[in-house]
Amino acid sequence: MGTIEKVKTILGFIDNSKDSLLASIQSVVEARLKMKLGNVSEVPAELDYILVEATISRFNRINDEGKKSASESDVSATYETDDLAPFADDIQEWIDNHRDTTKGKFVMF
């Protein structure tokens, strides 16, 4: 199951009316994640959940861009402006585990 299908399942969408919007959001999130991972060519499978969750987060903020918080009656919401921020530790851990440790070493005999 691809990212968009996972997002639609979680959001409960049964038709294709939001596919184009979700694909655009997913594309932007994916580009940012690739950059944060060191300009990798594709998002590693083990980090696919970040694409799904960040795409949902960004979709849920549509029409609330730039808003830090909102409240209505007894319900309040605070929005994260960086959809990848909640995953900063996971991203850094992946980078640390996949760092090329042979690069840049100089040994002299």
Protein backbone atom coordinates (compact mmCIF):
# COMPACT_ATOMS: atom_id res chain seq x y z
CA MET A 1 0.00 0.00 0.00
CA GLY A 2 1.43 3.37 -1.03
CA THR A 3 1.61 6.53 1.02
CA ILE A 4 -1.52 8.10 -0.43
CA GLU A 5 -3.55 4.92 0.12
CA LYS A 6 -2.39 4.75 3.75
CA VAL A 7 -3.26 8.41 4.28
CA LYS A 8 -6.72 7.93 2.74
CA THR A 9 -7.36 4.86 4.89
CA ILE A 10 -6.39 6.68 8.09
CA LEU A 11 -8.46 9.74 7.17
CA GLY A 12 -11.41 7.55 6.16
CA PHE A 13 -11.60 8.71 2.53
CA ILE A 14 -13.43 6.27 0.30
CA ASP A 15 -13.33 8.20 -2.99
CA ASN A 16 -10.58 9.80 -5.06
CA SER A 17 -11.73 13.41 -4.71
CA LYS A 18 -8.72 14.43 -2.58
CA ASP A 19 -6.06 12.35 -4.35
CA SER A 20 -4.50 15.26 -6.22
CA LEU A 21 -4.29 17.40 -3.09
CA LEU A 22 -2.87 14.54 -1.02
CA ALA A 23 -0.30 13.74 -3.73
CA SER A 24 0.84 17.38 -3.79
CA ILE A 25 1.19 17.50 -0.02
CA GLN A 26 2.99 14.16 0.04
CA SER A 27 5.38 15.35 -2.66
CA VAL A 28 6.36 18.46 -0.69
CA VAL A 29 6.75 16.50 2.56
CA GLU A 30 8.83 13.86 0.76
CA ALA A 31 11.14 16.47 -0.78
CA ARG A 32 11.75 18.07 2.62
CA LEU A 33 12.37 14.70 4.27
CA LYS A 34 14.85 13.67 1.56
CA MET A 35 16.72 16.93 2.09
CA LYS A 36 16.81 16.45 5.87
CA LEU A 37 18.18 12.93 5.34
CA GLY A 38 21.12 14.32 3.39
CA ASN A 39 19.60 14.60 -0.08
CA VAL A 40 18.89 10.89 -0.42
CA SER A 41 17.31 9.79 -3.70
CA GLU A 42 14.35 8.12 -1.99
CA VAL A 43 12.88 7.92 1.48
CA PRO A 44 14.01 4.72 3.18
CA ALA A 45 11.20 2.21 3.77
CA GLU A 46 11.76 2.30 7.52
CA LEU A 47 10.90 6.02 7.53
CA ASP A 48 7.79 5.74 5.37
CA TYR A 49 5.62 6.28 8.43
CA ILE A 50 6.99 9.83 8.64
CA LEU A 51 5.64 10.55 5.14
CA VAL A 52 2.24 9.21 6.12
CA GLU A 53 1.96 11.04 9.43
CA ALA A 54 3.43 14.34 8.18
CA THR A 55 1.14 14.28 5.12
CA ILE A 56 -1.88 13.81 7.39
CA SER A 57 -0.67 16.58 9.67
CA ARG A 58 -0.24 18.99 6.76
CA PHE A 59 -3.61 18.02 5.25
CA ASN A 60 -5.34 18.71 8.56
CA ARG A 61 -3.88 22.24 8.59
CA ILE A 62 -5.33 23.27 5.23
CA ASN A 63 -6.92 26.72 5.56
CA ASP A 64 -5.17 27.17 8.91
CA GLU A 65 -1.74 27.98 7.44
CA GLY A 66 0.28 30.17 9.74
CA LYS A 67 -2.09 29.74 12.67
CA LYS A 68 -0.30 28.82 15.88
CA SER A 69 -3.38 27.92 17.89
CA ALA A 70 -7.16 27.97 17.75
CA SER A 71 -9.94 27.42 20.24
CA GLU A 72 -13.62 26.85 19.96
CA SER A 73 -15.79 26.29 23.02
CA ASP A 74 -13.84 23.87 25.23
CA VAL A 75 -11.68 22.57 22.41
CA SER A 76 -8.32 24.09 21.54
CA ALA A 77 -5.65 23.12 19.04
CA THR A 78 -2.04 24.12 18.60
CA TYR A 79 -0.43 23.65 15.21
CA GLU A 80 3.15 22.67 14.52
CA THR A 81 4.51 24.83 11.72
CA ASP A 82 7.09 22.22 10.73
CA ASP A 83 5.39 18.91 10.03
CA LEU A 84 8.69 17.06 10.32
CA ALA A 85 9.61 18.54 13.74
CA PRO A 86 7.93 15.75 15.73
CA PHE A 87 10.19 13.28 13.90
CA ALA A 88 13.49 15.15 14.42
CA ASP A 89 14.87 12.47 16.77
CA ASP A 90 13.91 9.65 14.38
CA ILE A 91 15.48 11.49 11.44
CA GLN A 92 18.67 12.15 13.38
CA GLU A 93 18.85 8.53 14.55
CA TRP A 94 18.54 7.31 10.94
CA ILE A 95 21.27 9.73 9.85
CA ASP A 96 23.55 8.61 12.68
CA ASN A 97 22.98 4.93 11.85
CA HIS A 98 23.65 5.42 8.14
CA ARG A 99 26.55 7.82 8.29
CA ASP A 100 29.48 6.76 6.11
CA THR A 101 32.19 6.30 8.73
CA THR A 102 34.87 5.56 6.13
CA LYS A 103 34.46 8.90 4.42
CA GLY A 104 37.09 11.46 5.29
CA LYS A 105 39.53 9.17 7.09
CA PHE A 106 43.23 9.54 6.42
CA VAL A 107 45.69 6.93 7.62
CA MET A 108 49.43 7.37 7.30
CA PHE A 109 51.93 4.56 7.80
